[in-house]
Amino acid sequence: MRSAIISFAIVGLFFVVGCSQESGKTAAPTPSAGGLKYILGQEPPKANDVIGARETAKSGEPVVVVGRIGGSANPWIENRAAFSIVDRSLKACSDIPGDACPIPWDYCCETDKLPTGTALVKVVDGEGNLVKEDARQLLGVKELSTVVVEGKAERDKTGNLTILATHIFVKQD
């Protein structure tokens, strides 16, 4: 009788453990209540990749740009709704079979292409001010999330592209 109870307990434990584990996927983050006003329900049409936007966008013009969050070990501006995105033609380390890089979003295998393949995204409020909430919580995004960003282009003196984003669509990868 005692061995039957122990066997039943072990089988029950395996069942509980097996059913509580997912198939290796982590739950997608969700945006904060304040971030919902920046999230688009549908993907905007005709998004330009980062490299194309860097070549053609002019300061003050509306833009729609698609890219993946990354480009460095820490692509975030802490406690602000700002982050860098990378052109989808560049490969993150996790896109390379057999590469076990612990920080695949830094694109360390693409360092020669990063300068022309990245853009900075700043989520701005209705007054044009940078939103003072961490982008990860505000938008429910993480490293390597693919985002489509709507906003206005801003160029610095060296030609770097910043997108003053008013809306974001987060693609489900």
C-alpha atoms as a PDB file:
ATOM      1  CA  MET A   1       0.000   0.000   0.000  1.00  0.00           C
ATOM      2  CA  ARG A   2       2.791   2.380   0.955  1.00  0.00           C
ATOM      3  CA  SER A   3       4.639   1.826  -2.360  1.00  0.00           C
ATOM      4  CA  ALA A   4       1.400   2.465  -4.289  1.00  0.00           C
ATOM      5  CA  ILE A   5       0.975   5.830  -2.532  1.00  0.00           C
ATOM      6  CA  ILE A   6       4.599   6.778  -3.248  1.00  0.00           C
ATOM      7  CA  SER A   7       4.231   5.730  -6.899  1.00  0.00           C
ATOM      8  CA  PHE A   8       1.017   7.723  -7.213  1.00  0.00           C
ATOM      9  CA  ALA A   9       2.706  10.773  -5.650  1.00  0.00           C
ATOM     10  CA  ILE A  10       5.666  10.535  -8.054  1.00  0.00           C
ATOM     11  CA  VAL A  11       3.389  10.210 -11.100  1.00  0.00           C
ATOM     12  CA  GLY A  12       1.337  13.158  -9.851  1.00  0.00           C
ATOM     13  CA  LEU A  13       4.489  15.242  -9.382  1.00  0.00           C
ATOM     14  CA  PHE A  14       5.641  14.526 -12.953  1.00  0.00           C
ATOM     15  CA  PHE A  15       2.199  15.474 -14.238  1.00  0.00           C
ATOM     16  CA  VAL A  16       2.189  18.800 -12.383  1.00  0.00           C
ATOM     17  CA  VAL A  17       5.750  19.661 -13.401  1.00  0.00           C
ATOM     18  CA  GLY A  18       5.174  18.642 -17.028  1.00  0.00           C
ATOM     19  CA  CYS A  19       1.956  20.610 -17.333  1.00  0.00           C
ATOM     20  CA  SER A  20       3.392  23.750 -15.761  1.00  0.00           C
ATOM     21  CA  GLN A  21       6.245  24.063 -18.238  1.00  0.00           C
ATOM     22  CA  GLU A  22       5.719  25.676 -21.613  1.00  0.00           C
ATOM     23  CA  SER A  23       7.435  24.624 -24.814  1.00  0.00           C
ATOM     24  CA  GLY A  24      10.472  26.848 -24.229  1.00  0.00           C
ATOM     25  CA  LYS A  25       8.696  30.098 -25.058  1.00  0.00           C
ATOM     26  CA  THR A  26       8.481  32.970 -22.647  1.00  0.00           C
ATOM     27  CA  ALA A  27       5.291  34.944 -22.304  1.00  0.00           C
ATOM     28  CA  ALA A  28       5.225  38.097 -24.385  1.00  0.00           C
ATOM     29  CA  PRO A  29       5.509  41.221 -22.266  1.00  0.00           C
ATOM     30  CA  THR A  30       2.465  43.461 -22.163  1.00  0.00           C
ATOM     31  CA  PRO A  31       2.398  47.261 -22.349  1.00  0.00           C
ATOM     32  CA  SER A  32       1.603  49.369 -19.306  1.00  0.00           C
ATOM     33  CA  ALA A  33      -1.746  51.147 -19.027  1.00  0.00           C
ATOM     34  CA  GLY A  34      -0.016  54.397 -20.029  1.00  0.00           C
ATOM     35  CA  GLY A  35       1.623  52.736 -23.014  1.00  0.00           C
ATOM     36  CA  LEU A  36      -1.598  51.566 -24.642  1.00  0.00           C
ATOM     37  CA  LYS A  37      -2.113  54.961 -26.316  1.00  0.00           C
ATOM     38  CA  TYR A  38       1.152  54.475 -28.226  1.00  0.00           C
ATOM     39  CA  ILE A  39       0.452  50.908 -29.361  1.00  0.00           C
ATOM     40  CA  LEU A  40      -1.107  50.327 -32.786  1.00  0.00           C
ATOM     41  CA  GLY A  41      -3.515  47.435 -33.281  1.00  0.00           C
ATOM     42  CA  GLN A  42      -2.598  47.033 -36.953  1.00  0.00           C
ATOM     43  CA  GLU A  43       0.717  47.142 -38.721  1.00  0.00           C
ATOM     44  CA  PRO A  44       1.140  50.332 -40.738  1.00  0.00           C
ATOM     45  CA  PRO A  45       1.636  49.750 -44.467  1.00  0.00           C
ATOM     46  CA  LYS A  46       4.771  50.593 -46.417  1.00  0.00           C
ATOM     47  CA  ALA A  47       7.283  50.625 -43.586  1.00  0.00           C
ATOM     48  CA  ASN A  48      10.830  51.398 -44.633  1.00  0.00           C
ATOM     49  CA  ASP A  49      13.707  49.347 -43.231  1.00  0.00           C
ATOM     50  CA  VAL A  50      16.255  51.204 -41.107  1.00  0.00           C
ATOM     51  CA  ILE A  51      18.925  51.349 -43.829  1.00  0.00           C
ATOM     52  CA  GLY A  52      16.427  52.759 -46.346  1.00  0.00           C
ATOM     53  CA  ALA A  53      15.132  55.318 -43.848  1.00  0.00           C
ATOM     54  CA  ARG A  54      18.687  56.408 -43.022  1.00  0.00           C
ATOM     55  CA  GLU A  55      19.285  56.988 -46.741  1.00  0.00           C
ATOM     56  CA  THR A  56      16.087  58.912 -47.538  1.00  0.00           C
ATOM     57  CA  ALA A  57      14.429  60.410 -44.447  1.00  0.00           C
ATOM     58  CA  LYS A  58      14.718  64.133 -43.934  1.00  0.00           C
ATOM     59  CA  SER A  59      14.352  65.954 -40.625  1.00  0.00           C
ATOM     60  CA  GLY A  60      10.772  66.848 -39.813  1.00  0.00           C
ATOM     61  CA  GLU A  61       9.263  64.427 -42.336  1.00  0.00           C
ATOM     62  CA  PRO A  62       6.833  61.688 -41.282  1.00  0.00           C
ATOM     63  CA  VAL A  63       8.351  58.202 -41.378  1.00  0.00           C
ATOM     64  CA  VAL A  64       7.305  54.608 -40.839  1.00  0.00           C
ATOM     65  CA  VAL A  65      10.297  52.401 -40.031  1.00  0.00           C
ATOM     66  CA  VAL A  66      10.598  48.719 -39.134  1.00  0.00           C
ATOM     67  CA  GLY A  67      13.485  47.208 -37.197  1.00  0.00           C
ATOM     68  CA  ARG A  68      14.510  44.944 -34.333  1.00  0.00           C
ATOM     69  CA  ILE A  69      15.405  46.276 -30.908  1.00  0.00           C
ATOM     70  CA  GLY A  70      19.138  45.907 -30.361  1.00  0.00           C
ATOM     71  CA  GLY A  71      22.467  47.120 -31.632  1.00  0.00           C
ATOM     72  CA  SER A  72      24.366  47.064 -28.340  1.00  0.00           C
ATOM     73  CA  ALA A  73      24.524  45.075 -25.125  1.00  0.00           C
ATOM     74  CA  ASN A  74      22.078  47.617 -23.646  1.00  0.00           C
ATOM     75  CA  PRO A  75      19.884  49.171 -26.370  1.00  0.00           C
ATOM     76  CA  TRP A  76      17.715  50.988 -23.787  1.00  0.00           C
ATOM     77  CA  ILE A  77      17.842  54.454 -22.307  1.00  0.00           C
ATOM     78  CA  GLU A  78      17.016  53.676 -18.686  1.00  0.00           C
ATOM     79  CA  ASN A  79      13.734  55.081 -17.348  1.00  0.00           C
ATOM     80  CA  ARG A  80      12.900  56.657 -20.695  1.00  0.00           C
ATOM     81  CA  ALA A  81      10.897  55.439 -23.671  1.00  0.00           C
ATOM     82  CA  ALA A  82      13.903  55.275 -25.972  1.00  0.00           C
ATOM     83  CA  PHE A  83      15.850  52.463 -27.592  1.00  0.00           C
ATOM     84  CA  SER A  84      17.833  51.594 -30.686  1.00  0.00           C
ATOM     85  CA  ILE A  85      16.582  49.498 -33.583  1.00  0.00           C
ATOM     86  CA  VAL A  86      18.557  47.571 -36.186  1.00  0.00           C
ATOM     87  CA  ASP A  87      17.793  46.878 -39.829  1.00  0.00           C
ATOM     88  CA  ARG A  88      16.248  43.439 -40.328  1.00  0.00           C
ATOM     89  CA  SER A  89      18.853  42.517 -42.955  1.00  0.00           C
ATOM     90  CA  LEU A  90      21.495  42.330 -40.213  1.00  0.00           C
ATOM     91  CA  LYS A  91      21.760  39.066 -38.310  1.00  0.00           C
ATOM     92  CA  ALA A  92      21.575  38.878 -34.557  1.00  0.00           C
ATOM     93  CA  CYS A  93      23.816  36.171 -33.141  1.00  0.00           C
ATOM     94  CA  SER A  94      20.702  34.095 -32.371  1.00  0.00           C
ATOM     95  CA  ASP A  95      19.939  34.055 -36.123  1.00  0.00           C
ATOM     96  CA  ILE A  96      23.206  32.235 -36.824  1.00  0.00           C
ATOM     97  CA  PRO A  97      22.909  28.444 -36.398  1.00  0.00           C
ATOM     98  CA  GLY A  98      25.226  27.164 -33.685  1.00  0.00           C
ATOM     99  CA  ASP A  99      26.066  30.600 -32.294  1.00  0.00           C
ATOM    100  CA  ALA A 100      25.670  30.528 -28.522  1.00  0.00           C
ATOM    101  CA  CYS A 101      26.293  34.228 -27.864  1.00  0.00           C
ATOM    102  CA  PRO A 102      24.705  35.182 -24.517  1.00  0.00           C
ATOM    103  CA  ILE A 103      23.792  38.670 -25.800  1.00  0.00           C
ATOM    104  CA  PRO A 104      22.536  38.091 -29.366  1.00  0.00           C
ATOM    105  CA  TRP A 105      20.890  41.527 -29.633  1.00  0.00           C
ATOM    106  CA  ASP A 106      24.276  43.277 -29.601  1.00  0.00           C
ATOM    107  CA  TYR A 107      24.801  42.142 -33.227  1.00  0.00           C
ATOM    108  CA  CYS A 108      28.497  41.534 -32.487  1.00  0.00           C
ATOM    109  CA  CYS A 109      28.828  39.564 -35.735  1.00  0.00           C
ATOM    110  CA  GLU A 110      27.672  42.609 -37.733  1.00  0.00           C
ATOM    111  CA  THR A 111      29.778  45.395 -36.201  1.00  0.00           C
ATOM    112  CA  ASP A 112      30.933  46.718 -39.585  1.00  0.00           C
ATOM    113  CA  LYS A 113      27.305  47.228 -40.712  1.00  0.00           C
ATOM    114  CA  LEU A 114      25.863  48.600 -37.460  1.00  0.00           C
ATOM    115  CA  PRO A 115      26.779  52.272 -37.994  1.00  0.00           C
ATOM    116  CA  THR A 116      24.568  52.464 -41.100  1.00  0.00           C
ATOM    117  CA  GLY A 117      21.995  49.931 -39.919  1.00  0.00           C
ATOM    118  CA  THR A 118      20.723  51.470 -36.683  1.00  0.00           C
ATOM    119  CA  ALA A 119      18.398  54.260 -35.621  1.00  0.00           C
ATOM    120  CA  LEU A 120      17.358  55.671 -32.269  1.00  0.00           C
ATOM    121  CA  VAL A 121      13.664  55.617 -31.360  1.00  0.00           C
ATOM    122  CA  LYS A 122      12.283  58.120 -28.857  1.00  0.00           C
ATOM    123  CA  VAL A 123       8.614  57.755 -27.924  1.00  0.00           C
ATOM    124  CA  VAL A 124       7.202  61.257 -27.518  1.00  0.00           C
ATOM    125  CA  ASP A 125       3.967  62.531 -26.030  1.00  0.00           C
ATOM    126  CA  GLY A 126       1.506  64.908 -27.722  1.00  0.00           C
ATOM    127  CA  GLU A 127       3.747  67.878 -26.854  1.00  0.00           C
ATOM    128  CA  GLY A 128       6.830  66.250 -28.403  1.00  0.00           C
ATOM    129  CA  ASN A 129       8.468  65.434 -25.059  1.00  0.00           C
ATOM    130  CA  LEU A 130      10.255  62.139 -24.443  1.00  0.00           C
ATOM    131  CA  VAL A 131       8.032  59.848 -22.365  1.00  0.00           C
ATOM    132  CA  LYS A 132       9.577  59.251 -18.936  1.00  0.00           C
ATOM    133  CA  GLU A 133       8.787  55.567 -18.568  1.00  0.00           C
ATOM    134  CA  ASP A 134      11.061  52.688 -19.470  1.00  0.00           C
ATOM    135  CA  ALA A 135      10.201  51.479 -22.991  1.00  0.00           C
ATOM    136  CA  ARG A 136      10.181  47.842 -21.914  1.00  0.00           C
ATOM    137  CA  GLN A 137       7.309  48.436 -19.512  1.00  0.00           C
ATOM    138  CA  LEU A 138       5.601  51.201 -21.510  1.00  0.00           C
ATOM    139  CA  LEU A 139       5.397  49.229 -24.760  1.00  0.00           C
ATOM    140  CA  GLY A 140       5.764  45.641 -23.601  1.00  0.00           C
ATOM    141  CA  VAL A 141       8.893  45.040 -25.679  1.00  0.00           C
ATOM    142  CA  LYS A 142      12.230  43.307 -25.160  1.00  0.00           C
ATOM    143  CA  GLU A 143      15.516  42.852 -26.962  1.00  0.00           C
ATOM    144  CA  LEU A 144      15.045  41.574 -30.527  1.00  0.00           C
ATOM    145  CA  SER A 145      11.348  42.541 -30.624  1.00  0.00           C
ATOM    146  CA  THR A 146      10.435  43.643 -34.143  1.00  0.00           C
ATOM    147  CA  VAL A 147       8.681  47.002 -34.096  1.00  0.00           C
ATOM    148  CA  VAL A 148       7.127  49.249 -36.712  1.00  0.00           C
ATOM    149  CA  VAL A 149       7.548  52.857 -35.653  1.00  0.00           C
ATOM    150  CA  GLU A 150       5.484  55.838 -36.845  1.00  0.00           C
ATOM    151  CA  GLY A 151       6.735  59.335 -36.198  1.00  0.00           C
ATOM    152  CA  LYS A 152       8.965  62.097 -37.511  1.00  0.00           C
ATOM    153  CA  ALA A 153      12.550  61.850 -38.608  1.00  0.00           C
ATOM    154  CA  GLU A 154      15.216  63.874 -36.854  1.00  0.00           C
ATOM    155  CA  ARG A 155      18.799  64.095 -38.091  1.00  0.00           C
ATOM    156  CA  ASP A 156      21.881  65.181 -36.205  1.00  0.00           C
ATOM    157  CA  LYS A 157      24.846  66.913 -37.845  1.00  0.00           C
ATOM    158  CA  THR A 158      26.551  63.605 -38.654  1.00  0.00           C
ATOM    159  CA  GLY A 159      23.458  62.123 -40.325  1.00  0.00           C
ATOM    160  CA  ASN A 160      22.340  59.781 -37.557  1.00  0.00           C
ATOM    161  CA  LEU A 161      18.610  59.081 -37.616  1.00  0.00           C
ATOM    162  CA  THR A 162      16.326  59.476 -34.622  1.00  0.00           C
ATOM    163  CA  ILE A 163      12.633  58.703 -34.929  1.00  0.00           C
ATOM    164  CA  LEU A 164      10.368  60.763 -32.705  1.00  0.00           C
ATOM    165  CA  ALA A 165       7.751  58.050 -32.418  1.00  0.00           C
ATOM    166  CA  THR A 166       4.089  58.720 -31.772  1.00  0.00           C
ATOM    167  CA  HIS A 167       2.921  55.142 -32.406  1.00  0.00           C
ATOM    168  CA  ILE A 168       4.457  51.671 -32.304  1.00  0.00           C
ATOM    169  CA  PHE A 169       3.272  48.363 -33.675  1.00  0.00           C
ATOM    170  CA  VAL A 170       4.908  45.374 -31.997  1.00  0.00           C
ATOM    171  CA  LYS A 171       5.152  42.406 -34.346  1.00  0.00           C
ATOM    172  CA  GLN A 172       4.571  38.986 -32.854  1.00  0.00           C
ATOM    173  CA  ASP A 173       7.706  37.051 -33.788  1.00  0.00           C
END
